[in-house]
Amino acid sequence: MAVLGRNDERAACCGLPDAVHRLNLDGVAASEEVIMRRSLTLLCVLACHTATPDTARRSAETFGEWSSPINVGPPVNTEYNDTYAFLSRDELTMYFTSDRPGGLGGDDLWFTTRASLDDPWEDPQNMSALNTDKADSLAVLSSDEHLMFFHSTRPGGCGAGDIWMTRRHNTRSQEWNPPMNLGCVLNTAVTEIAPAFFENPETGQVTLFYGSNRPGGFGGLGTFDVYASVVGEDGYFGPGALVPDFSSAGRDTRIFIRKDGLEVFITSDRTGGQGLIDIWTSTRETLSDPWPTPIDVPGPVNSACDDGSPWLSGEHHSGDGRQFLEPDACASGRDKSLN
């Protein structure tokens, strides 16, 4: 009762009606749509419980230069395309996209585990419960690791490619519920790709960033820009808003915002880079400051090849972003490298 009472008290923080918190408390089976909304609602309640809006303003930390990338190697990397990797919070599970044999077709979602930080990665396993014979890729986890968002071109969506969501009850398990489309408010008749989850550490506001080639962007018709959708009072993600700070006249897709919200990395082929696709970055002093114009991350991170879709280390390193995963198109196929 105390937990439910706390959830009700947090409704004002989340901006959600009390009725939302009372869904399915009697254990009655709910529709997939209600489950999705409840998952996002509970995530918002957790965020409100842990947010610290009254603390002193956060300020940006300063780090040294990036080291030279090291190929992650087999069995994670293969002669095929192995891309878009990220680690779980304890850094014992790696999720990634691959078109290697043994999948359901084209790009699939895969995962691999290791017993400890000092142990090697085990043979990857196909996430067959989530994959289809279409393209399934570019996954990301919510901050509590109960939700996974990913891009898919499977039937049943709103356009050429949509963002889908799946949920699990146990974060130590790979038993995921059947994926659900995020709906045709966030998704459109064109393509939404490369979701990036961010939870504001001060307000608890949950935002999903993603790339979209919808009309109205900076790059013109058919070019991808970065958009953002926030969780609204109804528990759903709202319509996407163009993010000018992260977008350009080029192709801008996947971003990664450091846990403290003060550093962002953007995948872009905008002019001024070192290769075809580069990783760009911007750092701000506080969460209330605007983002400065992104700059190209200098070598050895970027190269003359495609470099993008970065992931920063998180909880295990106190969210400091001292480790960096990125695909490397100069390697055999497209492999993952670690800085």
Protein backbone atom coordinates (compact mmCIF):
# COMPACT_ATOMS: atom_id res chain seq x y z
CA MET A 1 0.00 0.00 0.00
CA ALA A 2 2.86 2.35 0.76
CA VAL A 3 4.29 1.83 -2.71
CA LEU A 4 0.94 2.46 -4.37
CA GLY A 5 0.40 5.51 -2.24
CA ARG A 6 3.80 6.85 -3.25
CA ASN A 7 2.93 6.29 -6.90
CA ASP A 8 -0.26 8.27 -6.46
CA GLU A 9 1.63 11.11 -4.79
CA ARG A 10 4.02 11.23 -7.72
CA ALA A 11 1.19 11.66 -10.24
CA ALA A 12 1.56 15.43 -10.09
CA CYS A 13 5.26 15.14 -10.94
CA CYS A 14 4.57 12.97 -13.97
CA GLY A 15 1.52 14.97 -15.00
CA LEU A 16 -0.50 11.75 -15.21
CA PRO A 17 -4.09 11.16 -14.09
CA ASP A 18 -4.48 9.03 -10.95
CA ALA A 19 -6.53 6.49 -12.91
CA VAL A 20 -3.47 5.56 -14.94
CA HIS A 21 -1.65 4.37 -11.79
CA ARG A 22 -4.55 2.09 -10.87
CA LEU A 23 -4.57 0.14 -14.16
CA ASN A 24 -4.46 -3.66 -13.77
CA LEU A 25 -3.77 -3.63 -10.05
CA ASP A 26 -6.27 -6.50 -9.72
CA GLY A 27 -4.20 -8.65 -12.12
CA VAL A 28 -6.75 -8.62 -14.93
CA ALA A 29 -5.12 -9.07 -18.34
CA ALA A 30 -4.88 -5.84 -20.32
CA SER A 31 -4.55 -4.98 -23.98
CA GLU A 32 -1.06 -4.44 -25.41
CA GLU A 33 -1.84 -0.74 -25.73
CA VAL A 34 -2.61 -0.41 -22.03
CA ILE A 35 0.48 -2.43 -21.11
CA MET A 36 2.62 -0.06 -23.15
CA ARG A 37 1.12 3.00 -21.48
CA ARG A 38 1.44 1.46 -18.03
CA SER A 39 5.10 0.63 -18.67
CA LEU A 40 5.85 4.22 -19.62
CA THR A 41 3.81 5.49 -16.67
CA LEU A 42 5.71 3.37 -14.17
CA LEU A 43 8.96 4.51 -15.72
CA CYS A 44 7.88 8.11 -15.28
CA VAL A 45 6.91 7.47 -11.63
CA LEU A 46 10.34 5.95 -10.99
CA ALA A 47 12.01 8.91 -12.67
CA CYS A 48 10.05 11.35 -10.50
CA HIS A 49 11.00 9.42 -7.39
CA THR A 50 14.71 9.61 -8.20
CA ALA A 51 14.87 13.08 -9.81
CA THR A 52 16.46 15.89 -7.79
CA PRO A 53 15.11 19.20 -9.14
CA ASP A 54 16.03 21.13 -6.01
CA THR A 55 19.71 20.28 -6.03
CA ALA A 56 22.43 22.61 -7.29
CA ARG A 57 22.69 22.89 -11.04
CA ARG A 58 24.84 20.21 -12.61
CA SER A 59 27.97 21.32 -14.39
CA ALA A 60 29.90 19.63 -17.16
CA GLU A 61 32.91 17.47 -16.35
CA THR A 62 36.11 17.59 -18.35
CA PHE A 63 37.71 14.43 -19.74
CA GLY A 64 40.92 13.66 -21.54
CA GLU A 65 41.39 12.59 -25.15
CA TRP A 66 39.93 9.38 -26.59
CA SER A 67 42.30 6.47 -27.04
CA SER A 68 42.67 4.60 -30.33
CA PRO A 69 39.76 2.25 -31.10
CA ILE A 70 40.24 -1.46 -30.39
CA ASN A 71 38.26 -3.97 -32.43
CA VAL A 72 35.98 -5.99 -30.15
CA GLY A 73 36.91 -9.10 -32.14
CA PRO A 74 35.26 -12.52 -32.47
CA PRO A 75 32.85 -14.01 -31.69
CA VAL A 76 31.03 -10.65 -31.55
CA ASN A 77 32.46 -9.34 -34.82
CA THR A 78 32.33 -11.39 -38.00
CA GLU A 79 32.89 -10.95 -41.73
CA TYR A 80 29.33 -9.65 -41.89
CA ASN A 81 27.88 -6.30 -40.75
CA ASP A 82 27.94 -6.10 -36.94
CA THR A 83 26.78 -2.69 -35.80
CA TYR A 84 24.82 -0.49 -33.36
CA ALA A 85 26.13 -2.08 -30.15
CA PHE A 86 25.48 -1.09 -26.55
CA LEU A 87 25.97 -2.70 -23.15
CA SER A 88 23.66 -3.35 -20.25
CA ARG A 89 24.09 -1.30 -17.11
CA ASP A 90 26.35 -3.94 -15.50
CA GLU A 91 28.25 -4.25 -18.81
CA LEU A 92 27.76 -8.04 -18.86
CA THR A 93 25.34 -8.11 -21.82
CA MET A 94 25.94 -6.60 -25.25
CA TYR A 95 23.08 -5.99 -27.70
CA PHE A 96 23.80 -5.33 -31.35
CA THR A 97 22.53 -5.57 -34.94
CA SER A 98 23.93 -8.10 -37.42
CA ASP A 99 23.11 -9.63 -40.79
CA ARG A 100 25.19 -12.76 -40.07
CA PRO A 101 23.84 -16.22 -40.92
CA GLY A 102 21.51 -17.80 -38.39
CA GLY A 103 19.06 -14.90 -38.23
CA LEU A 104 15.51 -14.58 -39.49
CA GLY A 105 16.41 -12.38 -42.44
CA GLY A 106 18.45 -9.27 -43.17
CA ASP A 107 19.32 -7.20 -40.11
CA ASP A 108 18.44 -8.89 -36.81
CA LEU A 109 18.85 -8.08 -33.13
CA TRP A 110 21.44 -10.21 -31.31
CA PHE A 111 22.91 -10.34 -27.80
CA THR A 112 25.95 -11.82 -26.10
CA THR A 113 26.90 -12.18 -22.45
CA ARG A 114 29.99 -12.58 -20.31
CA ALA A 115 30.36 -13.87 -16.75
CA SER A 116 32.39 -10.88 -15.54
CA LEU A 117 34.12 -7.79 -16.87
CA ASP A 118 37.31 -9.83 -17.19
CA ASP A 119 35.73 -12.73 -19.07
CA PRO A 120 35.42 -13.03 -22.86
CA TRP A 121 32.15 -12.59 -24.69
CA GLU A 122 30.21 -15.79 -25.37
CA ASP A 123 28.80 -16.80 -28.75
CA PRO A 124 26.01 -14.32 -29.68
CA GLN A 125 22.39 -15.44 -29.68
CA ASN A 126 19.66 -14.30 -32.03
CA MET A 127 16.74 -12.49 -30.36
CA SER A 128 14.30 -14.55 -32.37
CA ALA A 129 11.25 -13.51 -30.31
CA LEU A 130 11.75 -9.93 -31.50
CA ASN A 131 13.06 -10.42 -35.05
CA THR A 132 11.20 -10.93 -38.31
CA ASP A 133 12.18 -11.62 -41.91
CA LYS A 134 12.36 -7.83 -42.35
CA ALA A 135 14.97 -5.39 -41.00
CA ASP A 136 15.07 -5.24 -37.18
CA SER A 137 17.86 -3.07 -35.81
CA LEU A 138 19.16 -0.16 -33.74
CA ALA A 139 17.89 -1.21 -30.33
CA VAL A 140 18.19 0.83 -27.13
CA LEU A 141 17.10 0.19 -23.52
CA SER A 142 15.21 2.46 -21.15
CA SER A 143 17.07 3.64 -18.07
CA ASP A 144 15.50 0.92 -15.89
CA GLU A 145 16.25 -1.69 -18.61
CA HIS A 146 12.68 -3.04 -18.65
CA LEU A 147 11.86 -1.50 -22.04
CA MET A 148 13.61 -1.92 -25.37
CA PHE A 149 12.99 0.35 -28.36
CA PHE A 150 14.12 -0.57 -31.87
CA HIS A 151 13.59 0.14 -35.56
CA SER A 152 11.75 -2.31 -37.80
CA THR A 153 10.36 -2.44 -41.33
CA ARG A 154 7.93 -5.26 -40.46
CA PRO A 155 4.28 -5.10 -41.53
CA GLY A 156 1.75 -3.52 -39.20
CA GLY A 157 3.46 -0.18 -38.83
CA CYS A 158 2.66 3.35 -39.92
CA GLY A 159 5.23 3.85 -42.68
CA ALA A 160 8.29 2.49 -44.41
CA GLY A 161 10.03 1.86 -41.08
CA ASP A 162 8.83 2.46 -37.53
CA ILE A 163 9.99 2.44 -33.93
CA TRP A 164 8.69 -0.49 -31.90
CA MET A 165 8.81 -1.28 -28.18
CA THR A 166 8.99 -4.46 -26.13
CA ARG A 167 8.93 -5.04 -22.38
CA ARG A 168 10.36 -7.58 -19.96
CA HIS A 169 9.58 -8.11 -16.27
CA ASN A 170 13.02 -9.35 -15.21
CA THR A 171 16.04 -7.32 -16.31
CA ARG A 172 18.26 -10.40 -15.94
CA SER A 173 16.14 -12.30 -18.44
CA GLN A 174 15.93 -12.22 -22.23
CA GLU A 175 12.23 -13.15 -22.17
CA TRP A 176 10.73 -10.18 -23.97
CA ASN A 177 7.02 -9.58 -24.62
CA PRO A 178 5.82 -9.40 -28.24
CA PRO A 179 6.86 -6.03 -29.75
CA MET A 180 4.31 -3.22 -30.03
CA ASN A 181 4.35 -0.35 -32.49
CA LEU A 182 4.68 3.03 -30.74
CA GLY A 183 1.77 4.30 -32.82
CA CYS A 184 1.20 6.73 -35.65
CA VAL A 185 1.67 9.87 -33.57
CA LEU A 186 5.38 9.33 -33.05
CA ASN A 187 5.72 7.20 -36.20
CA THR A 188 4.68 8.62 -39.57
CA ALA A 189 4.07 7.50 -43.14
CA VAL A 190 7.82 7.77 -43.86
CA THR A 191 10.72 6.32 -41.80
CA GLU A 192 11.57 6.68 -38.12
CA ILE A 193 14.88 5.11 -37.15
CA ALA A 194 17.63 4.94 -34.50
CA PRO A 195 15.79 5.58 -31.20
CA ALA A 196 17.77 7.09 -28.31
CA PHE A 197 16.30 7.11 -24.80
CA PHE A 198 17.02 9.96 -22.39
CA GLU A 199 15.70 10.64 -18.90
CA ASN A 200 16.36 14.15 -17.56
CA PRO A 201 18.26 13.65 -14.27
CA GLU A 202 16.69 16.72 -12.67
CA THR A 203 13.06 16.60 -13.82
CA GLY A 204 12.59 12.92 -14.66
CA GLN A 205 11.16 13.88 -18.08
CA VAL A 206 11.47 10.96 -20.50
CA THR A 207 12.31 11.79 -24.12
CA LEU A 208 12.82 9.51 -27.10
CA PHE A 209 15.10 10.96 -29.77
CA TYR A 210 15.20 9.41 -33.26
CA GLY A 211 15.95 10.08 -36.89
CA SER A 212 13.16 10.75 -39.39
CA ASN A 213 13.00 11.70 -43.06
CA ARG A 214 9.56 13.32 -42.75
CA PRO A 215 8.94 16.61 -44.57
CA GLY A 216 9.90 19.82 -42.81
CA GLY A 217 13.46 19.00 -41.81
CA PHE A 218 16.66 20.89 -42.53
CA GLY A 219 17.96 18.48 -45.14
CA GLY A 220 15.06 18.57 -47.55
CA LEU A 221 12.74 15.80 -48.68
CA GLY A 222 14.07 12.32 -47.95
CA THR A 223 16.96 13.44 -45.73
CA PHE A 224 17.05 12.40 -42.08
CA ASP A 225 16.98 14.86 -39.19
CA VAL A 226 16.79 14.36 -35.43
CA TYR A 227 13.37 14.53 -33.78
CA ALA A 228 12.23 14.18 -30.16
CA SER A 229 9.02 12.88 -28.57
CA VAL A 230 8.27 13.22 -24.85
CA VAL A 231 5.93 11.15 -22.70
CA GLY A 232 2.70 13.11 -22.30
CA GLU A 233 0.04 13.25 -19.62
CA ASP A 234 -1.74 10.27 -21.19
CA GLY A 235 1.33 8.04 -20.81
CA TYR A 236 2.07 7.96 -24.54
CA PHE A 237 4.91 9.46 -26.54
CA GLY A 238 3.77 12.65 -28.24
CA PRO A 239 4.42 13.85 -31.79
CA GLY A 240 7.99 14.38 -32.86
CA ALA A 241 9.51 17.85 -32.73
CA LEU A 242 12.50 18.72 -34.91
CA VAL A 243 15.68 19.23 -32.85
CA PRO A 244 17.56 22.03 -34.65
CA ASP A 245 20.59 21.75 -32.34
CA PHE A 246 21.25 18.20 -33.55
CA SER A 247 20.14 18.49 -37.17
CA SER A 248 21.79 19.86 -40.31
CA ALA A 249 21.46 19.91 -44.09
CA GLY A 250 23.06 16.45 -44.09
CA ARG A 251 21.87 13.10 -42.77
CA ASP A 252 21.49 13.15 -38.98
CA THR A 253 20.25 10.00 -37.28
CA ARG A 254 21.31 8.32 -34.07
CA ILE A 255 22.36 10.39 -31.07
CA PHE A 256 23.54 9.49 -27.59
CA ILE A 257 23.18 11.87 -24.64
CA ARG A 258 25.41 11.29 -21.64
CA LYS A 259 23.54 10.33 -18.49
CA ASP A 260 24.03 13.78 -16.91
CA GLY A 261 22.55 15.46 -20.01
CA LEU A 262 25.60 17.65 -20.60
CA GLU A 263 27.25 15.90 -23.56
CA VAL A 264 25.70 14.63 -26.78
CA PHE A 265 27.09 12.61 -29.70
CA ILE A 266 25.42 12.78 -33.13
CA THR A 267 25.80 10.49 -36.14
CA SER A 268 25.97 12.73 -39.22
CA ASP A 269 27.39 13.11 -42.72
CA ARG A 270 27.22 16.92 -42.52
CA THR A 271 29.98 18.89 -44.17
CA GLY A 272 33.25 19.34 -42.33
CA GLY A 273 33.76 15.75 -41.26
CA GLN A 274 36.72 13.44 -41.75
CA GLY A 275 34.91 10.62 -43.57
CA LEU A 276 31.59 9.63 -45.07
CA ILE A 277 29.71 9.51 -41.76
CA ASP A 278 31.26 10.92 -38.59
CA ILE A 279 30.49 11.28 -34.90
CA TRP A 280 29.88 14.87 -33.84
CA THR A 281 29.65 16.18 -30.30
CA SER A 282 28.43 19.12 -28.25
CA THR A 283 28.90 19.89 -24.55
CA ARG A 284 27.00 22.34 -22.38
CA GLU A 285 27.67 23.58 -18.86
CA THR A 286 24.22 23.00 -17.33
CA LEU A 287 20.94 21.34 -18.27
CA SER A 288 19.32 24.74 -18.74
CA ASP A 289 21.91 25.88 -21.28
CA PRO A 290 21.36 25.56 -25.04
CA TRP A 291 23.53 23.14 -26.97
CA PRO A 292 26.49 24.80 -28.74
CA THR A 293 27.12 24.02 -32.41
CA PRO A 294 28.37 20.41 -32.64
CA ILE A 295 31.99 19.80 -33.59
CA ASP A 296 33.49 16.80 -35.34
CA VAL A 297 35.11 14.40 -32.87
CA PRO A 298 38.81 14.38 -33.81
CA GLY A 299 40.81 11.27 -34.58
CA PRO A 300 41.33 8.58 -33.59
CA VAL A 301 37.56 8.26 -33.07
CA ASN A 302 36.56 9.37 -36.58
CA SER A 303 38.30 8.15 -39.70
CA ALA A 304 38.01 8.26 -43.48
CA CYS A 305 35.35 5.54 -43.23
CA ASP A 306 31.87 5.50 -41.67
CA ASP A 307 31.89 6.09 -37.91
CA GLY A 308 28.64 6.50 -36.03
CA SER A 309 25.96 5.27 -33.61
CA PRO A 310 28.15 5.61 -30.50
CA TRP A 311 27.35 4.33 -27.04
CA LEU A 312 28.93 5.57 -23.79
CA SER A 313 29.57 3.54 -20.66
CA GLY A 314 27.03 4.18 -17.94
CA GLU A 315 26.25 2.94 -14.46
CA HIS A 316 29.31 0.77 -13.98
CA HIS A 317 31.52 3.82 -14.51
CA SER A 318 29.17 6.22 -12.69
CA GLY A 319 27.77 7.44 -15.99
CA ASP A 320 31.06 9.09 -16.83
CA GLY A 321 31.19 8.01 -20.47
CA ARG A 322 34.79 6.80 -20.37
CA GLN A 323 34.14 3.84 -22.68
CA PHE A 324 32.84 4.26 -26.19
CA LEU A 325 31.39 1.69 -28.63
CA GLU A 326 31.07 2.52 -32.32
CA PRO A 327 30.75 0.67 -35.64
CA ASP A 328 33.86 0.83 -37.84
CA ALA A 329 33.31 0.52 -41.58
CA CYS A 330 37.06 0.31 -42.26
CA ALA A 331 37.13 -3.10 -40.66
CA SER A 332 35.98 -6.34 -42.28
CA GLY A 333 32.28 -5.82 -42.91
CA ARG A 334 31.23 -3.23 -40.33
CA ASP A 335 32.59 -4.16 -36.93
CA LYS A 336 32.30 -2.77 -33.44
CA SER A 337 35.26 -1.00 -31.89
CA LEU A 338 35.94 0.08 -28.32
CA ASN A 339 37.68 3.33 -27.38
